[in-house]
N, C-alpha and C. Protein backbone atom coordinates (compact mmCIF):
# COMPACT_ATOMS: atom_id res chain seq x y z
N PRO A 1 13.21 -15.62 18.13
CA PRO A 1 14.20 -15.62 17.09
C PRO A 1 15.15 -14.58 17.73
N VAL A 2 14.24 -13.68 19.26
CA VAL A 2 15.23 -12.41 19.61
C VAL A 2 15.75 -13.16 21.25
N LEU A 3 15.30 -14.08 21.57
CA LEU A 3 15.91 -14.93 23.01
C LEU A 3 16.78 -15.87 22.75
N ALA A 4 16.82 -16.61 21.52
CA ALA A 4 17.82 -17.02 20.32
C ALA A 4 19.49 -16.15 20.19
N CYS A 5 19.17 -14.92 19.76
CA CYS A 5 19.86 -14.27 19.20
C CYS A 5 20.96 -13.38 20.52
N ALA A 6 19.47 -13.32 21.20
CA ALA A 6 20.19 -12.64 23.04
C ALA A 6 21.38 -13.91 23.59
N ALA A 7 20.61 -14.90 23.69
CA ALA A 7 21.23 -15.58 24.64
C ALA A 7 22.80 -16.15 23.78
N ALA A 8 22.55 -15.87 22.49
CA ALA A 8 24.21 -16.23 21.24
C ALA A 8 24.89 -15.03 21.62
N ASP A 9 24.15 -14.15 21.95
CA ASP A 9 25.60 -12.36 21.73
C ASP A 9 25.52 -11.93 21.12
N LYS A 10 24.34 -12.72 19.87
CA LYS A 10 24.41 -11.79 18.31
C LYS A 10 23.10 -11.04 18.87
N LEU A 11 22.98 -9.94 18.97
CA LEU A 11 21.70 -9.51 19.30
C LEU A 11 22.74 -8.02 19.75
N GLY A 12 22.76 -6.82 18.14
CA GLY A 12 22.98 -5.86 17.95
C GLY A 12 22.58 -4.87 17.05
N TYR A 13 21.54 -5.75 15.97
CA TYR A 13 20.32 -4.39 15.71
C TYR A 13 19.54 -4.82 15.16
N VAL A 14 18.46 -4.02 15.50
CA VAL A 14 16.70 -5.33 14.54
C VAL A 14 16.71 -3.69 13.72
N HIS A 15 15.57 -4.92 12.83
CA HIS A 15 15.31 -4.27 11.57
C HIS A 15 14.15 -4.87 10.76
N ILE A 16 13.48 -4.22 11.22
CA ILE A 16 11.91 -4.52 10.56
C ILE A 16 10.98 -3.90 10.20
N GLY A 17 9.74 -4.92 9.71
CA GLY A 17 8.99 -4.67 8.57
C GLY A 17 8.05 -5.28 8.33
N ALA A 18 6.59 -5.28 8.23
CA ALA A 18 5.78 -5.52 7.73
C ALA A 18 5.58 -6.79 7.25
N ASN A 19 4.73 -7.97 7.37
CA ASN A 19 4.56 -9.08 5.95
C ASN A 19 4.73 -8.43 4.62
N HIS A 20 3.81 -7.67 4.69
CA HIS A 20 3.13 -7.34 3.29
C HIS A 20 3.65 -6.36 2.88
N ARG A 21 4.94 -5.45 3.60
CA ARG A 21 6.25 -4.15 2.73
C ARG A 21 5.59 -3.44 3.23
N GLY A 22 4.43 -3.61 3.95
CA GLY A 22 3.92 -1.79 3.76
C GLY A 22 3.75 -0.95 5.79
N PRO A 23 2.13 -0.27 5.73
CA PRO A 23 3.15 0.48 7.14
C PRO A 23 2.27 -0.55 8.10
N LEU A 24 3.70 -0.59 9.52
CA LEU A 24 3.12 -1.44 10.41
C LEU A 24 2.24 -1.67 10.94
N SER A 25 1.36 -2.96 11.67
CA SER A 25 0.39 -2.52 12.14
C SER A 25 -0.13 -4.14 12.92
N ASP A 26 -0.68 -3.98 13.42
CA ASP A 26 -1.02 -5.69 14.49
C ASP A 26 -2.06 -6.41 13.19
N LYS A 27 -1.75 -5.79 11.81
CA LYS A 27 -3.40 -6.12 10.77
C LYS A 27 -2.87 -7.53 10.19
N GLY A 28 -1.64 -8.01 10.13
CA GLY A 28 -0.15 -9.62 9.71
C GLY A 28 -0.49 -10.16 10.54
N ASN A 29 0.50 -11.36 9.99
CA ASN A 29 1.16 -12.02 10.05
C ASN A 29 2.48 -12.67 11.75
N ILE A 30 2.75 -11.12 11.51
CA ILE A 30 3.42 -10.93 12.28
C ILE A 30 2.90 -10.31 13.93
N ASP A 31 3.38 -10.82 15.01
CA ASP A 31 3.03 -10.88 16.09
C ASP A 31 3.91 -9.96 17.16
N PHE A 32 4.04 -8.50 16.91
CA PHE A 32 4.95 -7.09 17.01
C PHE A 32 4.37 -7.17 18.45
N ASP A 33 3.74 -7.81 20.04
CA ASP A 33 3.41 -7.31 21.15
C ASP A 33 4.29 -8.54 21.80
N SER A 34 5.19 -10.01 21.31
CA SER A 34 5.86 -10.93 21.85
C SER A 34 6.86 -10.25 20.97
N PHE A 35 7.11 -9.56 19.95
CA PHE A 35 8.97 -9.46 19.13
C PHE A 35 9.33 -8.29 20.12
N PHE A 36 8.74 -7.21 20.91
CA PHE A 36 8.87 -6.16 21.70
C PHE A 36 8.62 -6.99 22.62
N GLY A 37 8.03 -7.75 23.45
CA GLY A 37 8.31 -8.01 24.36
C GLY A 37 9.39 -8.66 24.90
N ALA A 38 10.11 -9.50 23.77
CA ALA A 38 11.38 -9.86 23.93
C ALA A 38 12.58 -9.32 23.57
N LEU A 39 12.40 -8.64 23.25
CA LEU A 39 13.59 -7.18 23.33
C LEU A 39 13.33 -6.44 24.59
N GLU A 40 12.26 -6.10 25.34
CA GLU A 40 12.01 -5.61 26.63
C GLU A 40 12.90 -6.62 27.39
N GLN A 41 12.35 -7.94 26.95
CA GLN A 41 12.89 -9.46 28.37
C GLN A 41 14.51 -9.45 28.25
N VAL A 42 15.25 -9.35 27.30
CA VAL A 42 16.85 -9.06 27.19
C VAL A 42 17.13 -7.67 27.16
N GLY A 43 16.53 -6.93 27.44
CA GLY A 43 17.12 -5.55 27.91
C GLY A 43 17.61 -4.36 26.72
N TYR A 44 17.51 -5.35 25.76
CA TYR A 44 17.82 -4.51 24.44
C TYR A 44 17.54 -2.93 24.34
N GLU A 45 18.27 -2.36 23.72
CA GLU A 45 18.47 -0.65 23.77
C GLU A 45 19.11 -0.16 22.92
N GLY A 46 19.06 -1.04 21.88
CA GLY A 46 19.91 -0.29 20.63
C GLY A 46 19.12 0.19 19.63
N VAL A 47 18.95 0.81 18.36
CA VAL A 47 18.44 0.66 17.10
C VAL A 47 17.66 0.43 16.82
N ILE A 48 16.46 0.30 16.51
CA ILE A 48 15.48 -0.61 15.47
C ILE A 48 14.73 0.38 14.37
N THR A 49 15.03 -0.55 13.17
CA THR A 49 14.66 0.60 11.89
C THR A 49 14.12 -0.13 11.49
N PHE A 50 12.64 0.65 10.44
CA PHE A 50 11.47 0.28 10.10
C PHE A 50 11.99 -0.11 8.52
N GLU A 51 11.06 -1.04 7.66
CA GLU A 51 11.29 -0.89 6.56
C GLU A 51 10.22 -0.77 5.63
N SER A 52 9.57 -0.53 4.37
CA SER A 52 9.22 -0.76 3.48
C SER A 52 8.83 -0.21 2.59
N PHE A 53 8.21 -0.49 1.19
CA PHE A 53 8.38 -0.73 0.20
C PHE A 53 7.24 -0.21 -0.22
N SER A 54 7.43 1.01 -1.19
CA SER A 54 5.86 1.43 -2.74
C SER A 54 6.45 1.76 -3.16
N SER A 55 6.09 1.10 -4.57
CA SER A 55 5.97 1.51 -5.80
C SER A 55 5.55 2.81 -6.43
N ALA A 56 4.90 3.64 -5.43
CA ALA A 56 4.38 4.76 -6.16
C ALA A 56 5.92 5.67 -5.66
N VAL A 57 6.87 5.47 -4.70
CA VAL A 57 7.92 6.62 -4.51
C VAL A 57 9.31 6.24 -4.59
N VAL A 58 9.44 4.85 -5.11
CA VAL A 58 10.78 3.66 -5.73
C VAL A 58 11.03 3.46 -7.51
N ASN A 59 12.05 4.01 -7.28
CA ASN A 59 12.07 4.19 -8.81
C ASN A 59 11.88 2.55 -8.91
N GLU A 60 11.92 2.80 -10.68
CA GLU A 60 11.58 1.62 -11.33
C GLU A 60 12.02 0.69 -11.68
N GLN A 61 13.66 1.23 -11.67
CA GLN A 61 14.58 -0.50 -11.47
C GLN A 61 14.47 -1.10 -10.51
N LEU A 62 14.87 -0.30 -8.80
CA LEU A 62 14.75 -0.83 -7.68
C LEU A 62 12.75 -1.88 -7.81
N THR A 63 11.85 -1.10 -8.16
CA THR A 63 11.02 -1.88 -7.84
C THR A 63 10.99 -2.99 -8.14
N THR A 64 10.86 -3.09 -9.47
CA THR A 64 11.50 -4.32 -10.50
C THR A 64 12.58 -5.60 -10.16
N ALA A 65 13.21 -4.60 -8.98
CA ALA A 65 14.43 -5.92 -8.96
C ALA A 65 13.87 -6.73 -7.81
N LEU A 66 13.00 -5.33 -6.57
CA LEU A 66 12.37 -5.84 -5.40
C LEU A 66 11.23 -6.54 -5.83
N ALA A 67 10.52 -6.64 -6.60
CA ALA A 67 9.24 -7.46 -6.79
C ALA A 67 8.16 -6.64 -5.80
N ILE A 68 8.57 -4.86 -6.29
CA ILE A 68 7.00 -4.71 -5.39
C ILE A 68 6.05 -4.13 -6.96
N TRP A 69 5.05 -4.71 -6.79
CA TRP A 69 4.05 -4.27 -6.89
C TRP A 69 2.69 -3.74 -6.67
N ARG A 70 2.83 -3.28 -5.74
CA ARG A 70 1.27 -2.29 -4.94
C ARG A 70 1.86 -1.20 -4.25
N ASN A 71 1.33 -0.42 -5.01
CA ASN A 71 1.24 1.19 -3.62
C ASN A 71 0.83 1.79 -2.28
N LEU A 72 1.51 1.31 -1.74
CA LEU A 72 0.96 1.13 -0.19
C LEU A 72 1.33 2.10 0.52
N TRP A 73 2.06 3.60 -0.10
CA TRP A 73 1.70 4.40 0.33
C TRP A 73 2.04 5.56 -0.43
N THR A 74 2.35 6.57 0.29
CA THR A 74 2.98 8.24 -1.12
C THR A 74 3.23 8.68 -0.07
N ASP A 75 3.70 8.87 1.24
CA ASP A 75 3.89 10.02 1.50
C ASP A 75 4.83 9.49 2.50
N ASN A 76 6.55 9.95 3.03
CA ASN A 76 6.80 8.73 3.35
C ASN A 76 7.39 9.15 5.15
N TRP A 77 6.38 11.31 4.89
CA TRP A 77 6.74 11.83 6.12
C TRP A 77 5.65 11.22 7.18
N LYS A 78 4.57 10.55 6.62
CA LYS A 78 3.55 10.39 7.14
C LYS A 78 3.05 8.74 7.40
N LEU A 79 4.28 7.93 6.96
CA LEU A 79 4.62 6.42 6.81
C LEU A 79 5.95 6.23 7.53
N ALA A 80 6.80 7.41 8.17
CA ALA A 80 7.63 7.42 8.99
C ALA A 80 7.15 7.96 10.47
N LYS A 81 6.17 8.64 10.36
CA LYS A 81 5.59 9.35 11.37
C LYS A 81 4.99 7.76 11.93
N ASP A 82 4.23 6.99 11.43
CA ASP A 82 3.01 6.22 12.01
C ASP A 82 4.02 5.04 12.76
N ALA A 83 5.15 4.99 12.05
CA ALA A 83 6.11 3.68 12.25
C ALA A 83 6.78 4.12 13.50
N ARG A 84 6.63 5.48 13.91
CA ARG A 84 7.90 5.77 15.21
C ARG A 84 6.04 5.43 16.12
N ASP A 85 5.64 6.10 15.89
CA ASP A 85 4.52 6.03 16.83
C ASP A 85 4.46 4.52 17.00
N PHE A 86 3.86 4.09 16.34
CA PHE A 86 3.78 2.60 16.34
C PHE A 86 5.38 1.47 17.25
N MET A 87 6.18 2.34 16.47
CA MET A 87 6.84 1.27 17.90
C MET A 87 6.96 1.37 19.04
N ASP A 88 6.71 2.74 19.59
CA ASP A 88 7.42 3.66 20.63
C ASP A 88 5.70 2.85 21.20
N GLY A 89 4.87 2.52 20.86
CA GLY A 89 3.24 2.02 21.19
C GLY A 89 4.02 1.08 21.97
N LYS A 90 4.67 -0.10 21.26
CA LYS A 90 4.71 -1.49 21.34
C LYS A 90 6.11 -1.57 22.65
N ILE A 91 6.83 -0.56 22.58
CA ILE A 91 7.80 -0.85 23.54
C ILE A 91 7.18 -0.16 24.80
N ARG A 92 6.57 1.23 24.81
CA ARG A 92 5.94 1.31 25.95
C ARG A 92 5.12 0.00 26.95
N LYS A 93 3.93 -1.19 25.44
CA LYS A 93 3.32 -1.33 26.20
C LYS A 93 3.90 -3.09 26.97
N ALA A 94 5.47 -3.16 26.29
CA ALA A 94 5.93 -4.18 26.78
C ALA A 94 7.08 -3.92 28.12
């Protein structure tokens, strides 16, 4: 998708998340090495935003609306730091 978006001049913003909605890792179904490699290939230098959900920190109405059924994490700062470290590692590797 990255290469197709870039070829169509439609890549302006990147929003990522793990397939299980939890912390970023290489344990899921998303090939982050290929993804970040494609971003490097097209010269993407924009923002990359990470999104994750945990019913432990999201209010009850939003938890229900988004069908969040698991407490995947409780520490926002650790999640953010780990996501940043993960993305930095993938960017450097690309």
